[in-house]
Amino acid sequence: MMRLVPALALVLSACSPLPGLDPPPPTGPPAVAAAAPTPASAPAAQAARRPPAAVQAADDAESGEPAPPPPATPAPAPAPAAGAAEDLDSICKQTECRPAHTLKLHLDDGRAVDVPVPSLPYVHRDIVHALPGDDFYVAADERGGRLVNMRYVAPPATPKDALHIRFRQEQIKGGHWMMVAHITSHFSHTLAYHAATQGSPSRPSRRTSVCPLHPGAGVFESWPNAILFLHLKDFRVVDPKSEDGRVCK
């Protein structure tokens, strides 16, 4: 599973659940949690007869048995994740978001479903999010051998220091549907990156293999299963003669 920034969970939660992709909510009466058992009178009486700690320690020392360890101190509650306070409206004020729309997705069981998708960012915190039917450009700055400040840009007349990302579902021979991504690099260096696919917002993202991007060239990636999200991140400059610059992984 590829670990994504906490704010992405909020972005994805904006379109969950999705009809046809997420399992329906449970029906019937809600489950009732079992109440904690009330302490019985016998254990209570035993507790009342329990010797003081000092006496217990002396008894343990005499018997040669170690005293029971003191109860562990509870760990402090974790701090809220960075970006948790963000909401989708504020994200779309800071970066370009695709308009809300409905896309058609052919599922693995042969059904075709209309998926209502809210306004979602093309790029957020240097992670590119592609949906079926997308065709867009992402520009970035190169800093310390990594692509940073990644951002959506309008299709340039002469692409430079940008990625052209296309993601679609197409039908192949035999009537089967498959997902296809075509990524073209307009950077002057060879790039490696990480990618993950996600069938729906409620399912975990899964890392997928990718091939390095060479200057002015494109790569095709394909998957036999229906995918709603394709996440791309960690774009970095690599030596074209190195393993990262030659091997798909």
C-alpha atoms as a PDB file:
ATOM      1  CA  MET A   1       0.000   0.000   0.000  1.00  0.00           C
ATOM      2  CA  MET A   2       1.338   3.416  -0.856  1.00  0.00           C
ATOM      3  CA  ARG A   3       1.229   5.900   2.022  1.00  0.00           C
ATOM      4  CA  LEU A   4      -0.462   9.138   1.024  1.00  0.00           C
ATOM      5  CA  VAL A   5      -0.494  12.480   2.806  1.00  0.00           C
ATOM      6  CA  PRO A   6      -3.226  12.838   5.477  1.00  0.00           C
ATOM      7  CA  ALA A   7      -4.943  15.629   3.540  1.00  0.00           C
ATOM      8  CA  LEU A   8      -5.564  13.226   0.661  1.00  0.00           C
ATOM      9  CA  ALA A   9      -7.820  11.117   2.853  1.00  0.00           C
ATOM     10  CA  LEU A  10      -9.963  14.196   3.274  1.00  0.00           C
ATOM     11  CA  VAL A  11      -9.978  14.828  -0.470  1.00  0.00           C
ATOM     12  CA  LEU A  12     -11.078  11.270  -1.184  1.00  0.00           C
ATOM     13  CA  SER A  13     -13.672  11.282   1.582  1.00  0.00           C
ATOM     14  CA  ALA A  14     -15.477  14.033  -0.305  1.00  0.00           C
ATOM     15  CA  CYS A  15     -16.638  11.481  -2.860  1.00  0.00           C
ATOM     16  CA  SER A  16     -17.309   8.505  -0.633  1.00  0.00           C
ATOM     17  CA  PRO A  17     -19.393   6.422  -0.853  1.00  0.00           C
ATOM     18  CA  LEU A  18     -19.810   6.130  -4.608  1.00  0.00           C
ATOM     19  CA  PRO A  19     -22.778   4.212  -6.009  1.00  0.00           C
ATOM     20  CA  GLY A  20     -21.715   0.950  -7.607  1.00  0.00           C
ATOM     21  CA  LEU A  21     -18.140   1.150  -6.331  1.00  0.00           C
ATOM     22  CA  ASP A  22     -18.501   1.105  -2.563  1.00  0.00           C
ATOM     23  CA  PRO A  23     -20.391  -1.616  -0.694  1.00  0.00           C
ATOM     24  CA  PRO A  24     -23.894  -0.609   0.434  1.00  0.00           C
ATOM     25  CA  PRO A  25     -24.302   0.388   4.082  1.00  0.00           C
ATOM     26  CA  PRO A  26     -25.456  -2.419   6.392  1.00  0.00           C
ATOM     27  CA  THR A  27     -29.193  -2.855   6.817  1.00  0.00           C
ATOM     28  CA  GLY A  28     -31.198  -4.020   9.796  1.00  0.00           C
ATOM     29  CA  PRO A  29     -31.064  -2.953  13.428  1.00  0.00           C
ATOM     30  CA  PRO A  30     -27.748  -1.475  14.527  1.00  0.00           C
ATOM     31  CA  ALA A  31     -25.437  -3.723  16.434  1.00  0.00           C
ATOM     32  CA  VAL A  32     -25.525  -3.178  20.174  1.00  0.00           C
ATOM     33  CA  ALA A  33     -22.217  -3.285  21.936  1.00  0.00           C
ATOM     34  CA  ALA A  34     -22.146  -5.665  24.858  1.00  0.00           C
ATOM     35  CA  ALA A  35     -22.072  -3.852  28.167  1.00  0.00           C
ATOM     36  CA  ALA A  36     -19.061  -4.370  30.344  1.00  0.00           C
ATOM     37  CA  PRO A  37     -19.841  -6.949  33.043  1.00  0.00           C
ATOM     38  CA  THR A  38     -20.584  -5.544  36.455  1.00  0.00           C
ATOM     39  CA  PRO A  39     -17.928  -6.698  38.957  1.00  0.00           C
ATOM     40  CA  ALA A  40     -19.263  -9.611  40.951  1.00  0.00           C
ATOM     41  CA  SER A  41     -19.459  -9.473  44.721  1.00  0.00           C
ATOM     42  CA  ALA A  42     -16.838 -12.236  45.129  1.00  0.00           C
ATOM     43  CA  PRO A  43     -14.081 -10.363  43.202  1.00  0.00           C
ATOM     44  CA  ALA A  44     -15.040  -7.219  45.093  1.00  0.00           C
ATOM     45  CA  ALA A  45     -14.672  -9.043  48.398  1.00  0.00           C
ATOM     46  CA  GLN A  46     -11.329 -10.422  47.304  1.00  0.00           C
ATOM     47  CA  ALA A  47     -10.177  -6.907  46.417  1.00  0.00           C
ATOM     48  CA  ALA A  48     -11.236  -5.699  49.848  1.00  0.00           C
ATOM     49  CA  ARG A  49      -9.167  -8.468  51.478  1.00  0.00           C
ATOM     50  CA  ARG A  50      -6.111  -7.793  49.281  1.00  0.00           C
ATOM     51  CA  PRO A  51      -3.103  -6.811  51.456  1.00  0.00           C
ATOM     52  CA  PRO A  52      -1.523  -3.352  51.148  1.00  0.00           C
ATOM     53  CA  ALA A  53       1.248  -2.953  48.559  1.00  0.00           C
ATOM     54  CA  ALA A  54       4.006  -2.886  51.198  1.00  0.00           C
ATOM     55  CA  VAL A  55       2.778  -6.129  52.781  1.00  0.00           C
ATOM     56  CA  GLN A  56       2.414  -7.738  49.346  1.00  0.00           C
ATOM     57  CA  ALA A  57       5.994  -6.741  48.476  1.00  0.00           C
ATOM     58  CA  ALA A  58       7.283  -8.279  51.708  1.00  0.00           C
ATOM     59  CA  ASP A  59       5.376 -11.502  51.032  1.00  0.00           C
ATOM     60  CA  ASP A  60       6.816 -11.639  47.494  1.00  0.00           C
ATOM     61  CA  ALA A  61      10.335 -11.109  48.793  1.00  0.00           C
ATOM     62  CA  GLU A  62       9.874 -13.907  51.333  1.00  0.00           C
ATOM     63  CA  SER A  63       8.447 -16.290  48.784  1.00  0.00           C
ATOM     64  CA  GLY A  64      11.104 -15.452  46.178  1.00  0.00           C
ATOM     65  CA  GLU A  65       8.517 -14.417  43.577  1.00  0.00           C
ATOM     66  CA  PRO A  66       8.915 -11.031  41.892  1.00  0.00           C
ATOM     67  CA  ALA A  67       6.363  -8.364  42.607  1.00  0.00           C
ATOM     68  CA  PRO A  68       3.943  -7.663  39.774  1.00  0.00           C
ATOM     69  CA  PRO A  69       5.022  -4.693  37.600  1.00  0.00           C
ATOM     70  CA  PRO A  70       3.260  -1.380  38.162  1.00  0.00           C
ATOM     71  CA  PRO A  71       0.508  -0.514  35.679  1.00  0.00           C
ATOM     72  CA  ALA A  72       1.819   1.050  32.498  1.00  0.00           C
ATOM     73  CA  THR A  73       1.389   4.784  32.052  1.00  0.00           C
ATOM     74  CA  PRO A  74      -0.949   5.457  29.113  1.00  0.00           C
ATOM     75  CA  ALA A  75       0.808   6.907  26.079  1.00  0.00           C
ATOM     76  CA  PRO A  76      -0.103  10.512  25.218  1.00  0.00           C
ATOM     77  CA  ALA A  77      -2.684  10.979  22.498  1.00  0.00           C
ATOM     78  CA  PRO A  78      -1.118  11.594  19.066  1.00  0.00           C
ATOM     79  CA  ALA A  79      -1.138  15.124  17.725  1.00  0.00           C
ATOM     80  CA  PRO A  80      -3.611  15.870  14.922  1.00  0.00           C
ATOM     81  CA  ALA A  81      -2.201  15.108  11.478  1.00  0.00           C
ATOM     82  CA  ALA A  82      -0.950  18.057   9.455  1.00  0.00           C
ATOM     83  CA  GLY A  83      -3.575  19.276   7.008  1.00  0.00           C
ATOM     84  CA  ALA A  84      -6.429  17.567   8.824  1.00  0.00           C
ATOM     85  CA  ALA A  85      -8.142  20.914   9.262  1.00  0.00           C
ATOM     86  CA  GLU A  86      -8.227  21.525   5.533  1.00  0.00           C
ATOM     87  CA  ASP A  87     -11.458  21.179   3.639  1.00  0.00           C
ATOM     88  CA  LEU A  88     -12.055  20.630  -0.029  1.00  0.00           C
ATOM     89  CA  ASP A  89     -13.286  24.176  -0.651  1.00  0.00           C
ATOM     90  CA  SER A  90     -10.089  25.701   0.701  1.00  0.00           C
ATOM     91  CA  ILE A  91      -7.978  23.241  -1.308  1.00  0.00           C
ATOM     92  CA  CYS A  92      -9.740  24.213  -4.535  1.00  0.00           C
ATOM     93  CA  LYS A  93      -9.130  27.899  -3.771  1.00  0.00           C
ATOM     94  CA  GLN A  94      -5.400  27.232  -3.688  1.00  0.00           C
ATOM     95  CA  THR A  95      -5.039  24.844  -6.615  1.00  0.00           C
ATOM     96  CA  GLU A  96      -6.849  23.966  -9.834  1.00  0.00           C
ATOM     97  CA  CYS A  97      -9.694  21.496  -9.375  1.00  0.00           C
ATOM     98  CA  ARG A  98     -11.551  19.601 -12.064  1.00  0.00           C
ATOM     99  CA  PRO A  99     -15.259  20.472 -12.201  1.00  0.00           C
ATOM    100  CA  ALA A 100     -17.776  18.162 -10.587  1.00  0.00           C
ATOM    101  CA  HIS A 101     -18.984  15.667 -13.159  1.00  0.00           C
ATOM    102  CA  THR A 102     -20.265  12.150 -13.744  1.00  0.00           C
ATOM    103  CA  LEU A 103     -18.038   9.557 -15.351  1.00  0.00           C
ATOM    104  CA  LYS A 104     -18.945   6.129 -16.682  1.00  0.00           C
ATOM    105  CA  LEU A 105     -16.881   3.214 -15.415  1.00  0.00           C
ATOM    106  CA  HIS A 106     -17.125  -0.401 -16.573  1.00  0.00           C
ATOM    107  CA  LEU A 107     -16.690  -2.664 -13.566  1.00  0.00           C
ATOM    108  CA  ASP A 108     -14.980  -6.041 -13.411  1.00  0.00           C
ATOM    109  CA  ASP A 109     -18.329  -7.861 -13.221  1.00  0.00           C
ATOM    110  CA  GLY A 110     -19.440  -6.365 -16.544  1.00  0.00           C
ATOM    111  CA  ARG A 111     -21.690  -3.651 -15.165  1.00  0.00           C
ATOM    112  CA  ALA A 112     -21.342  -0.053 -16.315  1.00  0.00           C
ATOM    113  CA  VAL A 113     -21.986   2.530 -13.590  1.00  0.00           C
ATOM    114  CA  ASP A 114     -22.305   6.300 -13.622  1.00  0.00           C
ATOM    115  CA  VAL A 115     -20.008   7.673 -10.931  1.00  0.00           C
ATOM    116  CA  PRO A 116     -20.760  11.180  -9.602  1.00  0.00           C
ATOM    117  CA  VAL A 117     -17.440  12.850  -8.791  1.00  0.00           C
ATOM    118  CA  PRO A 118     -17.215  16.142  -6.886  1.00  0.00           C
ATOM    119  CA  SER A 119     -14.733  18.882  -7.705  1.00  0.00           C
ATOM    120  CA  LEU A 120     -11.314  17.375  -6.927  1.00  0.00           C
ATOM    121  CA  PRO A 121      -7.765  18.747  -7.358  1.00  0.00           C
ATOM    122  CA  TYR A 122      -5.548  17.566 -10.178  1.00  0.00           C
ATOM    123  CA  VAL A 123      -2.518  17.994  -7.907  1.00  0.00           C
ATOM    124  CA  HIS A 124      -2.316  18.400  -4.145  1.00  0.00           C
ATOM    125  CA  ARG A 125       0.890  18.532  -2.094  1.00  0.00           C
ATOM    126  CA  ASP A 126       2.954  17.263  -5.030  1.00  0.00           C
ATOM    127  CA  ILE A 127       0.734  14.222  -5.583  1.00  0.00           C
ATOM    128  CA  VAL A 128      -0.980  13.996  -8.972  1.00  0.00           C
ATOM    129  CA  HIS A 129      -4.488  12.501  -8.982  1.00  0.00           C
ATOM    130  CA  ALA A 130      -5.805  11.210 -12.301  1.00  0.00           C
ATOM    131  CA  LEU A 131      -9.355   9.981 -12.945  1.00  0.00           C
ATOM    132  CA  PRO A 132     -10.676   8.072 -15.973  1.00  0.00           C
ATOM    133  CA  GLY A 133     -11.162  10.488 -18.863  1.00  0.00           C
ATOM    134  CA  ASP A 134      -8.464  12.910 -17.671  1.00  0.00           C
ATOM    135  CA  ASP A 135      -6.093  14.595 -20.116  1.00  0.00           C
ATOM    136  CA  PHE A 136      -4.028  17.371 -18.516  1.00  0.00           C
ATOM    137  CA  TYR A 137      -0.573  18.880 -17.972  1.00  0.00           C
ATOM    138  CA  VAL A 138       1.387  19.288 -14.756  1.00  0.00           C
ATOM    139  CA  ALA A 139       4.318  21.683 -14.457  1.00  0.00           C
ATOM    140  CA  ALA A 140       6.948  21.491 -11.710  1.00  0.00           C
ATOM    141  CA  ASP A 141      10.218  22.975 -10.488  1.00  0.00           C
ATOM    142  CA  GLU A 142      13.337  20.878 -10.098  1.00  0.00           C
ATOM    143  CA  ARG A 143      14.983  21.276  -6.712  1.00  0.00           C
ATOM    144  CA  GLY A 144      17.625  19.008  -5.216  1.00  0.00           C
ATOM    145  CA  GLY A 145      16.985  16.343  -7.827  1.00  0.00           C
ATOM    146  CA  ARG A 146      13.245  16.200  -7.135  1.00  0.00           C
ATOM    147  CA  LEU A 147      10.174  17.725  -8.758  1.00  0.00           C
ATOM    148  CA  VAL A 148       8.466  20.137  -6.363  1.00  0.00           C
ATOM    149  CA  ASN A 149       5.744  22.773  -6.555  1.00  0.00           C
ATOM    150  CA  MET A 150       3.831  20.496  -8.907  1.00  0.00           C
ATOM    151  CA  ARG A 151       0.789  22.260 -10.343  1.00  0.00           C
ATOM    152  CA  TYR A 152      -1.876  21.964 -13.013  1.00  0.00           C
ATOM    153  CA  VAL A 153      -1.285  24.118 -16.104  1.00  0.00           C
ATOM    154  CA  ALA A 154      -3.283  24.757 -19.249  1.00  0.00           C
ATOM    155  CA  PRO A 155      -2.059  22.797 -22.291  1.00  0.00           C
ATOM    156  CA  PRO A 156       1.098  24.659 -23.392  1.00  0.00           C
ATOM    157  CA  ALA A 157       1.796  25.380 -27.043  1.00  0.00           C
ATOM    158  CA  THR A 158       5.367  24.134 -26.558  1.00  0.00           C
ATOM    159  CA  PRO A 159       5.565  21.936 -23.457  1.00  0.00           C
ATOM    160  CA  LYS A 160       8.665  22.447 -21.300  1.00  0.00           C
ATOM    161  CA  ASP A 161       9.327  21.189 -17.770  1.00  0.00           C
ATOM    162  CA  ALA A 162       5.897  19.577 -17.728  1.00  0.00           C
ATOM    163  CA  LEU A 163       4.206  16.178 -17.712  1.00  0.00           C
ATOM    164  CA  HIS A 164       1.328  15.273 -20.008  1.00  0.00           C
ATOM    165  CA  ILE A 165      -0.974  12.809 -18.240  1.00  0.00           C
ATOM    166  CA  ARG A 166      -3.784  10.869 -19.901  1.00  0.00           C
ATOM    167  CA  PHE A 167      -5.844   8.212 -18.157  1.00  0.00           C
ATOM    168  CA  ARG A 168      -8.797   6.370 -19.650  1.00  0.00           C
ATOM    169  CA  GLN A 169     -10.717   3.109 -19.816  1.00  0.00           C
ATOM    170  CA  GLU A 170     -10.850   1.449 -23.202  1.00  0.00           C
ATOM    171  CA  GLN A 171     -12.369  -1.716 -24.594  1.00  0.00           C
ATOM    172  CA  ILE A 172     -10.053  -4.293 -26.108  1.00  0.00           C
ATOM    173  CA  LYS A 173     -10.570  -7.369 -28.251  1.00  0.00           C
ATOM    174  CA  GLY A 174     -13.069  -9.743 -26.692  1.00  0.00           C
ATOM    175  CA  GLY A 175     -15.070  -6.937 -25.126  1.00  0.00           C
ATOM    176  CA  HIS A 176     -12.979  -6.645 -21.975  1.00  0.00           C
ATOM    177  CA  TRP A 177     -12.331  -3.197 -20.529  1.00  0.00           C
ATOM    178  CA  MET A 178      -8.943  -2.111 -19.245  1.00  0.00           C
ATOM    179  CA  MET A 179      -7.417   1.018 -17.755  1.00  0.00           C
ATOM    180  CA  VAL A 180      -4.671   2.763 -19.719  1.00  0.00           C
ATOM    181  CA  ALA A 181      -2.380   5.598 -18.633  1.00  0.00           C
ATOM    182  CA  HIS A 182      -0.094   7.468 -21.010  1.00  0.00           C
ATOM    183  CA  ILE A 183       2.468   9.763 -19.375  1.00  0.00           C
ATOM    184  CA  THR A 184       4.814  11.920 -21.449  1.00  0.00           C
ATOM    185  CA  SER A 185       7.748  13.800 -19.938  1.00  0.00           C
ATOM    186  CA  HIS A 186       8.853  17.185 -21.257  1.00  0.00           C
ATOM    187  CA  PHE A 187      11.702  17.493 -18.742  1.00  0.00           C
ATOM    188  CA  SER A 188      15.356  17.406 -19.779  1.00  0.00           C
ATOM    189  CA  HIS A 189      16.282  14.616 -17.336  1.00  0.00           C
ATOM    190  CA  THR A 190      15.189  11.022 -16.850  1.00  0.00           C
ATOM    191  CA  LEU A 191      12.604  10.725 -14.094  1.00  0.00           C
ATOM    192  CA  ALA A 192      11.517   7.929 -11.783  1.00  0.00           C
ATOM    193  CA  TYR A 193       8.362   8.058  -9.682  1.00  0.00           C
ATOM    194  CA  HIS A 194       5.904   6.028  -7.626  1.00  0.00           C
ATOM    195  CA  ALA A 195       2.311   5.255  -8.530  1.00  0.00           C
ATOM    196  CA  ALA A 196      -0.695   3.728  -6.807  1.00  0.00           C
ATOM    197  CA  THR A 197      -4.147   2.718  -7.991  1.00  0.00           C
ATOM    198  CA  GLN A 198      -7.426   2.896  -6.097  1.00  0.00           C
ATOM    199  CA  GLY A 199     -10.723   1.262  -7.017  1.00  0.00           C
ATOM    200  CA  SER A 200     -12.835   3.594  -4.861  1.00  0.00           C
ATOM    201  CA  PRO A 201     -12.318   6.130  -2.054  1.00  0.00           C
ATOM    202  CA  SER A 202     -13.153   3.551   0.604  1.00  0.00           C
ATOM    203  CA  ARG A 203     -10.521   1.066  -0.562  1.00  0.00           C
ATOM    204  CA  PRO A 204      -6.801   1.346   0.194  1.00  0.00           C
ATOM    205  CA  SER A 205      -4.475   2.504  -2.549  1.00  0.00           C
ATOM    206  CA  ARG A 206      -2.133  -0.145  -3.931  1.00  0.00           C
ATOM    207  CA  ARG A 207       1.299   0.545  -5.296  1.00  0.00           C
ATOM    208  CA  THR A 208       1.750  -0.413  -8.929  1.00  0.00           C
ATOM    209  CA  SER A 209       4.824  -0.902 -11.101  1.00  0.00           C
ATOM    210  CA  VAL A 210       5.917   1.913 -13.404  1.00  0.00           C
ATOM    211  CA  CYS A 211       8.620   2.582 -15.975  1.00  0.00           C
ATOM    212  CA  PRO A 212      11.091   5.493 -15.938  1.00  0.00           C
ATOM    213  CA  LEU A 213      10.256   8.604 -17.941  1.00  0.00           C
ATOM    214  CA  HIS A 214      12.833   9.714 -20.502  1.00  0.00           C
ATOM    215  CA  PRO A 215      13.028  13.242 -21.983  1.00  0.00           C
ATOM    216  CA  GLY A 216      10.481  13.796 -24.727  1.00  0.00           C
ATOM    217  CA  ALA A 217       9.219  10.215 -24.506  1.00  0.00           C
ATOM    218  CA  GLY A 218       6.084   8.647 -23.146  1.00  0.00           C
ATOM    219  CA  VAL A 219       5.248   5.444 -21.309  1.00  0.00           C
ATOM    220  CA  PHE A 220       2.073   3.359 -21.376  1.00  0.00           C
ATOM    221  CA  GLU A 221       0.821   1.642 -18.254  1.00  0.00           C
ATOM    222  CA  SER A 222      -2.253  -0.614 -18.213  1.00  0.00           C
ATOM    223  CA  TRP A 223      -4.374  -2.520 -15.689  1.00  0.00           C
ATOM    224  CA  PRO A 224      -7.074  -5.159 -16.294  1.00  0.00           C
ATOM    225  CA  ASN A 225      -9.296  -4.007 -13.405  1.00  0.00           C
ATOM    226  CA  ALA A 226     -11.511  -0.958 -13.031  1.00  0.00           C
ATOM    227  CA  ILE A 227      -9.668   1.939 -11.348  1.00  0.00           C
ATOM    228  CA  LEU A 228     -11.142   5.211 -10.173  1.00  0.00           C
ATOM    229  CA  PHE A 229      -7.960   6.955  -9.014  1.00  0.00           C
ATOM    230  CA  LEU A 230      -4.368   6.880 -10.241  1.00  0.00           C
ATOM    231  CA  HIS A 231      -1.993   8.612  -7.809  1.00  0.00           C
ATOM    232  CA  LEU A 232       1.501   9.685  -8.940  1.00  0.00           C
ATOM    233  CA  LYS A 233       4.160  10.979  -6.547  1.00  0.00           C
ATOM    234  CA  ASP A 234       7.873  11.178  -5.658  1.00  0.00           C
ATOM    235  CA  PHE A 235       9.055  12.341  -9.079  1.00  0.00           C
ATOM    236  CA  ARG A 236      12.853  12.475  -8.978  1.00  0.00           C
ATOM    237  CA  VAL A 237      15.786  12.815 -11.354  1.00  0.00           C
ATOM    238  CA  VAL A 238      17.756   9.598 -11.952  1.00  0.00           C
ATOM    239  CA  ASP A 239      20.762   8.574 -14.013  1.00  0.00           C
ATOM    240  CA  PRO A 240      19.435   7.078 -17.266  1.00  0.00           C
ATOM    241  CA  LYS A 241      22.145   4.389 -17.038  1.00  0.00           C
ATOM    242  CA  SER A 242      21.212   3.390 -13.480  1.00  0.00           C
ATOM    243  CA  GLU A 243      18.718   0.686 -12.554  1.00  0.00           C
ATOM    244  CA  ASP A 244      16.076   3.295 -11.708  1.00  0.00           C
ATOM    245  CA  GLY A 245      16.618   4.865 -15.123  1.00  0.00           C
ATOM    246  CA  ARG A 246      16.402   1.599 -17.073  1.00  0.00           C
ATOM    247  CA  VAL A 247      14.139  -0.845 -15.245  1.00  0.00           C
ATOM    248  CA  CYS A 248      10.377  -0.825 -14.812  1.00  0.00           C
ATOM    249  CA  LYS A 249       9.537  -1.602 -11.192  1.00  0.00           C
END
